[in-house]
Amino acid sequence: MRRRLTLAAATAAMTAALLAGCAANPYPAETADALQQKVLTVSQTIAAGDLAAARTQLDELQASIDAAHDDDRLTADRHDDIATAIALVRADLEATLAQQAQQAAEAEAARIEQETALREQEEAQRQQEEAQRQQQENDDDDEKGKPEGPEKPEKPEKPEKGD
């Protein structure tokens, strides 16, 4: 949540940098419109949570401002302001993507650990059942080896009187 707010703030800064250029140092309307549309697209993509696509769109926006600067449709100062804002958004975007990757890795590790524990529990259960089965077989074998009927206890030998 915090990262999303940071991304939103950075995107707002990028938009402000772009719009400030429109008012302070006019450049061709079609250039302004095209760049504003790209910033809007990046903002909407970030808001939708598609951060990988937003990264690609930032690359496209950077290429657009570079081309506009090279064609003298964007002053060096305006280019630098927008490029700085793009870099800020990119840094926040990369940090958010790294955090998401870390969370995904942790979730996967927890899932694997849980599956391992379940397999170990199932194996322990299987071994316990096998031990019980073997014990039952041993008990059955012991019962088969006993003579039928009650056993008569052996009489103890009587000591001889001379001893």
Protein backbone atom coordinates (compact mmCIF):
# COMPACT_ATOMS: atom_id res chain seq x y z
CA MET A 1 0.00 0.00 0.00
CA ARG A 2 2.78 2.41 0.95
CA ARG A 3 4.66 1.63 -2.27
CA ARG A 4 1.56 2.27 -4.34
CA LEU A 5 1.19 5.70 -2.72
CA THR A 6 4.86 6.44 -3.38
CA LEU A 7 4.41 5.44 -7.01
CA ALA A 8 1.33 7.63 -7.27
CA ALA A 9 3.24 10.59 -5.81
CA ALA A 10 6.16 10.03 -8.16
CA THR A 11 3.81 9.79 -11.12
CA ALA A 12 2.15 13.03 -10.02
CA ALA A 13 5.60 14.67 -9.89
CA MET A 14 6.30 13.46 -13.42
CA THR A 15 2.96 14.86 -14.58
CA ALA A 16 3.67 18.17 -12.88
CA ALA A 17 7.08 18.38 -14.52
CA LEU A 18 5.52 17.78 -17.90
CA LEU A 19 2.65 20.24 -17.38
CA ALA A 20 4.94 22.92 -15.99
CA GLY A 21 6.76 22.82 -19.27
CA CYS A 22 3.58 23.47 -21.16
CA ALA A 23 2.88 26.66 -19.25
CA ALA A 24 6.35 28.05 -18.62
CA ASN A 25 8.10 27.23 -21.85
CA PRO A 26 5.65 26.43 -24.57
CA TYR A 27 6.54 23.72 -26.99
CA PRO A 28 4.50 22.36 -29.86
CA ALA A 29 0.99 21.36 -28.81
CA GLU A 30 1.25 17.98 -30.49
CA THR A 31 4.43 17.22 -28.53
CA ALA A 32 2.78 18.29 -25.28
CA ASP A 33 -0.33 16.23 -26.05
CA ALA A 34 1.68 13.13 -26.98
CA LEU A 35 3.84 13.33 -23.85
CA GLN A 36 0.84 14.02 -21.61
CA GLN A 37 -0.93 11.01 -23.09
CA LYS A 38 2.10 8.81 -22.37
CA VAL A 39 2.26 10.07 -18.77
CA LEU A 40 -1.45 9.40 -18.37
CA THR A 41 -1.01 5.88 -19.73
CA VAL A 42 1.84 5.21 -17.30
CA SER A 43 -0.29 6.54 -14.41
CA GLN A 44 -3.25 4.37 -15.36
CA THR A 45 -1.07 1.30 -15.77
CA ILE A 46 0.49 1.83 -12.35
CA ALA A 47 -2.95 2.37 -10.82
CA ALA A 48 -4.11 -0.90 -12.40
CA GLY A 49 -1.15 -2.65 -10.77
CA ASP A 50 0.57 -3.74 -14.00
CA LEU A 51 4.00 -2.59 -12.94
CA ALA A 52 5.93 -4.55 -15.57
CA ALA A 53 3.95 -2.84 -18.33
CA ALA A 54 4.47 0.52 -16.60
CA ARG A 55 8.22 -0.07 -16.73
CA THR A 56 8.01 -0.59 -20.50
CA GLN A 57 5.87 2.52 -20.86
CA LEU A 58 8.43 4.55 -18.91
CA ASP A 59 11.08 3.38 -21.38
CA GLU A 60 8.84 4.55 -24.22
CA LEU A 61 8.24 7.90 -22.51
CA GLN A 62 11.98 8.37 -22.03
CA ALA A 63 12.54 7.60 -25.71
CA SER A 64 9.82 10.11 -26.63
CA ILE A 65 11.32 12.96 -24.61
CA ASP A 66 14.78 12.12 -25.97
CA ALA A 67 13.43 12.25 -29.53
CA ALA A 68 11.53 15.49 -28.83
CA HIS A 69 14.71 17.03 -27.42
CA ASP A 70 16.79 15.83 -30.37
CA ASP A 71 14.24 17.39 -32.77
CA ASP A 72 14.25 20.69 -30.83
CA ARG A 73 10.62 20.20 -29.82
CA LEU A 74 11.66 20.09 -26.14
CA THR A 75 14.20 22.34 -24.44
CA ALA A 76 17.13 20.83 -22.57
CA ASP A 77 15.78 22.14 -19.25
CA ARG A 78 12.32 20.70 -19.86
CA HIS A 79 13.86 17.41 -21.02
CA ASP A 80 15.95 17.23 -17.86
CA ASP A 81 12.98 18.02 -15.60
CA ILE A 82 10.85 15.31 -17.19
CA ALA A 83 13.76 12.83 -17.27
CA THR A 84 14.33 13.43 -13.55
CA ALA A 85 10.65 12.78 -12.84
CA ILE A 86 10.78 9.62 -14.97
CA ALA A 87 13.83 8.45 -13.03
CA LEU A 88 11.98 9.02 -9.75
CA VAL A 89 8.99 7.01 -10.94
CA ARG A 90 11.30 4.29 -12.29
CA ALA A 91 13.17 4.03 -8.97
CA ASP A 92 9.92 3.66 -7.03
CA LEU A 93 8.62 1.21 -9.61
CA GLU A 94 11.76 -0.93 -9.42
CA ALA A 95 11.63 -0.90 -5.61
CA THR A 96 8.01 -2.01 -5.69
CA LEU A 97 8.77 -4.76 -8.21
CA ALA A 98 11.68 -5.95 -6.05
CA GLN A 99 9.45 -5.98 -2.98
CA GLN A 100 6.79 -7.96 -4.84
CA ALA A 101 9.42 -10.45 -6.04
CA GLN A 102 10.67 -10.85 -2.46
CA GLN A 103 7.15 -11.42 -1.18
CA ALA A 104 6.50 -13.96 -3.93
CA ALA A 105 9.74 -15.78 -3.09
CA GLU A 106 8.84 -15.84 0.60
CA ALA A 107 5.35 -17.14 -0.19
CA GLU A 108 6.82 -19.86 -2.40
CA ALA A 109 9.30 -20.85 0.31
CA ALA A 110 6.47 -21.05 2.84
CA ARG A 111 4.42 -23.18 0.44
CA ILE A 112 7.33 -25.55 -0.10
CA GLU A 113 7.97 -25.76 3.63
CA GLN A 114 4.32 -26.53 4.24
CA GLU A 115 4.29 -29.23 1.55
CA THR A 116 7.46 -30.76 3.00
CA ALA A 117 5.96 -30.83 6.49
CA LEU A 118 2.81 -32.45 5.12
CA ARG A 119 4.83 -35.12 3.28
CA GLU A 120 6.85 -35.81 6.44
CA GLN A 121 3.65 -36.09 8.46
CA GLU A 122 2.16 -38.48 5.89
CA GLU A 123 5.35 -40.59 5.96
CA ALA A 124 5.31 -40.73 9.76
CA GLN A 125 1.66 -41.79 9.63
CA ARG A 126 2.49 -44.49 7.08
CA GLN A 127 5.38 -45.77 9.21
CA GLN A 128 3.17 -45.84 12.29
CA GLU A 129 0.50 -47.80 10.44
CA GLU A 130 3.14 -50.23 9.15
CA ALA A 131 4.51 -50.73 12.67
CA GLN A 132 1.00 -51.38 13.96
CA ARG A 133 0.37 -53.88 11.15
CA GLN A 134 3.63 -55.69 11.92
CA GLN A 135 2.79 -55.75 15.62
CA GLN A 136 -0.60 -57.23 14.84
CA GLU A 137 1.04 -59.91 12.64
CA ASN A 138 3.48 -60.73 15.46
CA ASP A 139 0.61 -60.96 17.94
CA ASP A 140 -1.30 -63.23 15.55
CA ASP A 141 1.80 -65.46 15.12
CA ASP A 142 2.20 -65.67 18.91
CA GLU A 143 -1.42 -66.74 19.26
CA LYS A 144 -0.95 -69.49 16.64
CA GLY A 145 2.08 -70.90 18.43
CA LYS A 146 0.27 -71.39 21.78
CA PRO A 147 -1.28 -74.78 22.56
CA GLU A 148 -5.01 -74.95 22.63
CA GLY A 149 -6.71 -74.84 25.97
CA PRO A 150 -5.41 -73.52 29.24
CA GLU A 151 -1.82 -74.24 29.97
CA LYS A 152 -1.03 -76.26 33.02
CA PRO A 153 1.66 -74.70 35.09
CA GLU A 154 4.68 -76.90 35.58
CA LYS A 155 5.04 -78.36 39.02
CA PRO A 156 8.12 -77.25 40.77
CA GLU A 157 10.51 -80.05 41.55
CA LYS A 158 10.50 -81.16 45.15
CA PRO A 159 13.83 -80.96 46.82
CA GLU A 160 15.22 -84.25 47.97
CA LYS A 161 15.17 -84.80 51.66
CA GLY A 162 18.81 -85.51 52.07
CA ASP A 163 20.02 -82.20 50.97
